[in-house]
C-alpha atoms as a PDB file:
ATOM      1  CA  MET A   1      94.847   4.986  -3.893  1.00  0.00           C
ATOM      2  CA  VAL A   2      91.513   3.376  -3.723  1.00  0.00           C
ATOM      3  CA  SER A   3      88.377   3.617  -1.576  1.00  0.00           C
ATOM      4  CA  ILE A   4      87.240   0.263   0.762  1.00  0.00           C
ATOM      5  CA  ARG A   5      83.581   0.470   1.413  1.00  0.00           C
ATOM      6  CA  SER A   6      81.690  -1.010   4.313  1.00  0.00           C
ATOM      7  CA  ALA A   7      78.283  -1.123   5.778  1.00  0.00           C
ATOM      8  CA  SER A   8      77.302  -2.391   9.241  1.00  0.00           C
ATOM      9  CA  LEU A   9      73.888  -2.688  11.012  1.00  0.00           C
ATOM     10  CA  ALA A  10      73.547  -4.376  14.272  1.00  0.00           C
ATOM     11  CA  GLY A  11      70.886  -3.692  17.095  1.00  0.00           C
ATOM     12  CA  THR A  12      70.455  -5.044  20.740  1.00  0.00           C
ATOM     13  CA  GLU A  13      67.946  -4.037  23.563  1.00  0.00           C
ATOM     14  CA  ILE A  14      68.869  -2.617  26.153  1.00  0.00           C
ATOM     15  CA  GLY A  15      68.077  -2.560  29.788  1.00  0.00           C
ATOM     16  CA  ALA A  16      67.973   0.783  30.695  1.00  0.00           C
ATOM     17  CA  ALA A  17      65.545   3.653  29.729  1.00  0.00           C
ATOM     18  CA  PRO A  18      65.529   5.968  26.846  1.00  0.00           C
ATOM     19  CA  ASP A  19      66.281   8.876  28.214  1.00  0.00           C
ATOM     20  CA  ALA A  20      69.638   7.097  29.757  1.00  0.00           C
ATOM     21  CA  VAL A  21      70.270   5.671  26.423  1.00  0.00           C
ATOM     22  CA  ARG A  22      69.805   9.163  24.844  1.00  0.00           C
ATOM     23  CA  ARG A  23      72.072  11.035  27.817  1.00  0.00           C
ATOM     24  CA  LEU A  24      74.895   8.333  26.823  1.00  0.00           C
ATOM     25  CA  LEU A  25      74.849   8.441  22.916  1.00  0.00           C
ATOM     26  CA  LEU A  26      74.812  12.405  23.451  1.00  0.00           C
ATOM     27  CA  ASP A  27      77.798  12.256  25.535  1.00  0.00           C
ATOM     28  CA  VAL A  28      79.968  11.936  21.861  1.00  0.00           C
ATOM     29  CA  VAL A  29      83.326  12.088  23.475  1.00  0.00           C
ATOM     30  CA  GLY A  30      82.250   9.687  26.667  1.00  0.00           C
ATOM     31  CA  CYS A  31      80.490   6.882  24.535  1.00  0.00           C
ATOM     32  CA  GLY A  32      82.690   7.258  21.314  1.00  0.00           C
ATOM     33  CA  LEU A  33      85.359   6.268  23.478  1.00  0.00           C
ATOM     34  CA  LEU A  34      83.942   3.201  24.297  1.00  0.00           C
ATOM     35  CA  MET A  35      83.889   2.139  20.296  1.00  0.00           C
ATOM     36  CA  PRO A  36      86.721  -0.557  20.165  1.00  0.00           C
ATOM     37  CA  GLY A  37      89.616   0.863  18.567  1.00  0.00           C
ATOM     38  CA  VAL A  38      89.365   4.566  19.018  1.00  0.00           C
ATOM     39  CA  GLU A  39      92.582   5.942  20.294  1.00  0.00           C
ATOM     40  CA  SER A  40      91.690   9.257  20.773  1.00  0.00           C
ATOM     41  CA  LEU A  41      88.352  11.093  20.504  1.00  0.00           C
ATOM     42  CA  THR A  42      88.240  15.550  20.467  1.00  0.00           C
ATOM     43  CA  ALA A  43      85.963  17.873  20.254  1.00  0.00           C
ATOM     44  CA  GLU A  44      86.239  20.544  18.148  1.00  0.00           C
ATOM     45  CA  GLY A  45      83.369  22.547  18.304  1.00  0.00           C
ATOM     46  CA  ASP A  46      80.198  23.266  16.159  1.00  0.00           C
ATOM     47  CA  ASP A  47      79.504  19.293  16.986  1.00  0.00           C
ATOM     48  CA  VAL A  48      82.659  18.276  15.203  1.00  0.00           C
ATOM     49  CA  TYR A  49      84.663  16.015  16.776  1.00  0.00           C
ATOM     50  CA  HIS A  50      88.093  14.199  15.654  1.00  0.00           C
ATOM     51  CA  TYR A  51      88.577  10.641  15.251  1.00  0.00           C
ATOM     52  CA  VAL A  52      91.726   8.699  15.534  1.00  0.00           C
ATOM     53  CA  LEU A  53      91.884   4.910  15.693  1.00  0.00           C
ATOM     54  CA  ALA A  54      93.888   2.086  15.705  1.00  0.00           C
ATOM     55  CA  THR A  55      95.802   0.485  12.584  1.00  0.00           C
ATOM     56  CA  ILE A  56      94.105  -1.733  11.220  1.00  0.00           C
ATOM     57  CA  SER A  57      96.273  -4.522   9.533  1.00  0.00           C
ATOM     58  CA  ASN A  58      95.200  -8.001   7.582  1.00  0.00           C
ATOM     59  CA  GLY A  59      98.848  -8.413   6.207  1.00  0.00           C
ATOM     60  CA  ALA A  60      97.954  -7.029   2.822  1.00  0.00           C
ATOM     61  CA  VAL A  61      96.978  -3.324   3.839  1.00  0.00           C
ATOM     62  CA  SER A  62      97.619  -1.336   7.144  1.00  0.00           C
ATOM     63  CA  HIS A  63      95.661   1.838   7.519  1.00  0.00           C
ATOM     64  CA  THR A  64      95.198   4.029  10.357  1.00  0.00           C
ATOM     65  CA  PRO A  65      91.753   5.813  10.064  1.00  0.00           C
ATOM     66  CA  ASP A  66      91.959   9.342  11.242  1.00  0.00           C
ATOM     67  CA  HIS A  67      88.947  11.571  10.173  1.00  0.00           C
ATOM     68  CA  ARG A  68      86.619  14.378  11.808  1.00  0.00           C
ATOM     69  CA  THR A  69      82.480  14.027  12.272  1.00  0.00           C
ATOM     70  CA  ARG A  70      79.722  16.497  12.787  1.00  0.00           C
ATOM     71  CA  PHE A  71      77.005  14.805  14.472  1.00  0.00           C
ATOM     72  CA  ASP A  72      73.361  15.933  14.048  1.00  0.00           C
ATOM     73  CA  THR A  73      71.428  15.555  17.723  1.00  0.00           C
ATOM     74  CA  GLY A  74      67.561  17.268  16.207  1.00  0.00           C
ATOM     75  CA  ASP A  75      65.820  14.437  16.312  1.00  0.00           C
ATOM     76  CA  PRO A  76      65.144  12.953  20.217  1.00  0.00           C
ATOM     77  CA  ALA A  77      65.121   9.003  18.319  1.00  0.00           C
ATOM     78  CA  ARG A  78      68.086   9.438  16.142  1.00  0.00           C
ATOM     79  CA  ILE A  79      71.530  10.899  16.483  1.00  0.00           C
ATOM     80  CA  ARG A  80      73.287  11.195  13.157  1.00  0.00           C
ATOM     81  CA  TRP A  81      76.797  11.756  11.794  1.00  0.00           C
ATOM     82  CA  GLU A  82      78.476  12.679   9.184  1.00  0.00           C
ATOM     83  CA  PRO A  83      82.187  13.507   7.487  1.00  0.00           C
ATOM     84  CA  VAL A  84      83.573  16.485   7.508  1.00  0.00           C
ATOM     85  CA  GLY A  85      86.602  17.537   5.055  1.00  0.00           C
ATOM     86  CA  THR A  86      89.001  15.287   3.411  1.00  0.00           C
ATOM     87  CA  HIS A  87      89.959  12.347   5.254  1.00  0.00           C
ATOM     88  CA  ASN A  88      91.480   9.085   4.914  1.00  0.00           C
ATOM     89  CA  PHE A  89      88.697   8.021   6.292  1.00  0.00           C
ATOM     90  CA  ARG A  90      84.836   8.536   6.376  1.00  0.00           C
ATOM     91  CA  SER A  91      81.760   7.541   8.443  1.00  0.00           C
ATOM     92  CA  TRP A  92      77.858   8.303   8.274  1.00  0.00           C
ATOM     93  CA  GLY A  93      75.613   6.540  10.661  1.00  0.00           C
ATOM     94  CA  GLU A  94      73.174   7.069  12.855  1.00  0.00           C
ATOM     95  CA  PHE A  95      72.042   5.597  16.354  1.00  0.00           C
ATOM     96  CA  ARG A  96      68.121   4.653  16.253  1.00  0.00           C
ATOM     97  CA  THR A  97      66.090   3.958  19.532  1.00  0.00           C
ATOM     98  CA  THR A  98      62.553   2.651  20.132  1.00  0.00           C
ATOM     99  CA  PRO A  99      60.750   1.841  23.491  1.00  0.00           C
ATOM    100  CA  GLY A 100      62.299  -1.751  24.085  1.00  0.00           C
ATOM    101  CA  THR A 101      60.200  -4.629  24.958  1.00  0.00           C
ATOM    102  CA  GLY A 102      59.412  -4.423  28.706  1.00  0.00           C
ATOM    103  CA  PRO A 103      59.434  -1.174  31.033  1.00  0.00           C
ATOM    104  CA  GLY A 104      62.390   0.706  31.291  1.00  0.00           C
ATOM    105  CA  THR A 105      63.864  -0.811  28.225  1.00  0.00           C
ATOM    106  CA  THR A 106      65.287   0.928  25.269  1.00  0.00           C
ATOM    107  CA  TYR A 107      66.277  -1.112  21.621  1.00  0.00           C
ATOM    108  CA  LEU A 108      69.269   0.628  20.067  1.00  0.00           C
ATOM    109  CA  GLU A 109      70.054   0.522  16.539  1.00  0.00           C
ATOM    110  CA  ILE A 110      73.651   1.340  14.871  1.00  0.00           C
ATOM    111  CA  ASP A 111      73.372   2.168  11.151  1.00  0.00           C
ATOM    112  CA  THR A 112      77.060   2.854   9.548  1.00  0.00           C
ATOM    113  CA  ARG A 113      78.767   3.208   6.360  1.00  0.00           C
ATOM    114  CA  SER A 114      82.058   3.881   5.403  1.00  0.00           C
ATOM    115  CA  GLU A 115      84.870   4.442   3.184  1.00  0.00           C
ATOM    116  CA  ALA A 116      88.711   4.239   4.014  1.00  0.00           C
ATOM    117  CA  ASP A 117      91.382   5.109   1.519  1.00  0.00           C
ATOM    118  CA  VAL A 118      94.237   3.003   1.232  1.00  0.00           C
ATOM    119  CA  ASP A 119      97.203   2.818  -1.519  1.00  0.00           C
ATOM    120  CA  ILE A 120      96.503  -0.534  -2.456  1.00  0.00           C
ATOM    121  CA  ALA A 121      96.304  -2.217  -6.226  1.00  0.00           C
ATOM    122  CA  PRO A 122      92.559  -2.054  -7.813  1.00  0.00           C
ATOM    123  CA  VAL A 123      92.762  -5.898  -8.185  1.00  0.00           C
ATOM    124  CA  VAL A 124      93.231  -6.341  -4.491  1.00  0.00           C
ATOM    125  CA  LEU A 125      90.477  -4.577  -3.997  1.00  0.00           C
ATOM    126  CA  PRO A 126      87.686  -7.602  -3.983  1.00  0.00           C
ATOM    127  CA  LEU A 127      90.331  -9.329  -1.478  1.00  0.00           C
ATOM    128  CA  VAL A 128      90.195  -6.459   1.091  1.00  0.00           C
ATOM    129  CA  GLU A 129      86.511  -5.415   1.169  1.00  0.00           C
ATOM    130  CA  PRO A 130      85.628  -8.679   3.301  1.00  0.00           C
ATOM    131  CA  PHE A 131      87.752  -8.361   5.767  1.00  0.00           C
ATOM    132  CA  ALA A 132      86.632  -4.434   6.228  1.00  0.00           C
ATOM    133  CA  ARG A 133      83.350  -5.876   6.147  1.00  0.00           C
ATOM    134  CA  GLN A 134      83.718  -8.392   8.632  1.00  0.00           C
ATOM    135  CA  GLN A 135      86.120  -5.354  10.642  1.00  0.00           C
ATOM    136  CA  SER A 136      82.905  -2.756  10.677  1.00  0.00           C
ATOM    137  CA  ASP A 137      80.266  -5.774  12.004  1.00  0.00           C
ATOM    138  CA  GLU A 138      83.132  -6.313  14.667  1.00  0.00           C
ATOM    139  CA  VAL A 139      83.598  -2.973  15.903  1.00  0.00           C
ATOM    140  CA  THR A 140      79.884  -2.411  15.509  1.00  0.00           C
ATOM    141  CA  GLU A 141      78.851  -5.235  17.451  1.00  0.00           C
ATOM    142  CA  GLY A 142      81.490  -4.345  20.013  1.00  0.00           C
ATOM    143  CA  PHE A 143      80.550  -0.863  20.818  1.00  0.00           C
ATOM    144  CA  LEU A 144      76.698  -1.939  20.682  1.00  0.00           C
ATOM    145  CA  ALA A 145      77.681  -4.264  23.655  1.00  0.00           C
ATOM    146  CA  ALA A 146      79.963  -1.845  25.786  1.00  0.00           C
ATOM    147  CA  ILE A 147      76.698   0.393  25.371  1.00  0.00           C
ATOM    148  CA  LYS A 148      75.016  -1.730  26.915  1.00  0.00           C
ATOM    149  CA  GLY A 149      77.080  -2.985  29.772  1.00  0.00           C
ATOM    150  CA  ARG A 150      77.759   0.923  30.126  1.00  0.00           C
ATOM    151  CA  LEU A 151      74.024   1.753  30.562  1.00  0.00           C
ATOM    152  CA  GLU A 152      72.755  -1.788  32.009  1.00  0.00           C
ATOM    153  CA  SER A 153      75.803  -1.411  34.720  1.00  0.00           C
ATOM    154  CA  GLY A 154      75.009   1.918  35.768  1.00  0.00           C
ATOM    155  CA  ALA A 155      70.980   0.763  36.265  1.00  0.00           C
ATOM    156  CA  ARG A 156      71.851  -1.964  38.210  1.00  0.00           C
ATOM    157  CA  ALA A 157      74.005   0.526  40.659  1.00  0.00           C
ATOM    158  CA  ALA A 158      71.147   2.949  40.565  1.00  0.00           C
ATOM    159  CA  ALA A 159      68.713   0.340  41.756  1.00  0.00           C
END
């Protein structure tokens, strides 16, 4: 068993006010289901959420991430998460929001890192980690796009 590590950082400006962005981010289940690959997401209480993600496979590795995460929402400009318990996948990160470049806009950044425990020979790890980094970037960018789309379509509907 080895741990495949990846990290991703991406941001985008959203045509929605900071309070609307934070409201969506605080709806952990509703927002979390916008993330590509999330098959189920349930609240377990005490700010802990159970994620089951779609199986990831590249021919050499097949992995179905299953993990629990605790959210910290105490800082209005940052929502942080960290793993809870022992699982085959762990994720740490945060959403960061700052005022956008124009009125009624917000800059949202997602900064995340993860570890996936997989049953492969350690010699294969250097071949697999680039795939994991690419997957992480694609998920983060897809998540940002989905959040932006949800908020901007809601802002247009309210106008």
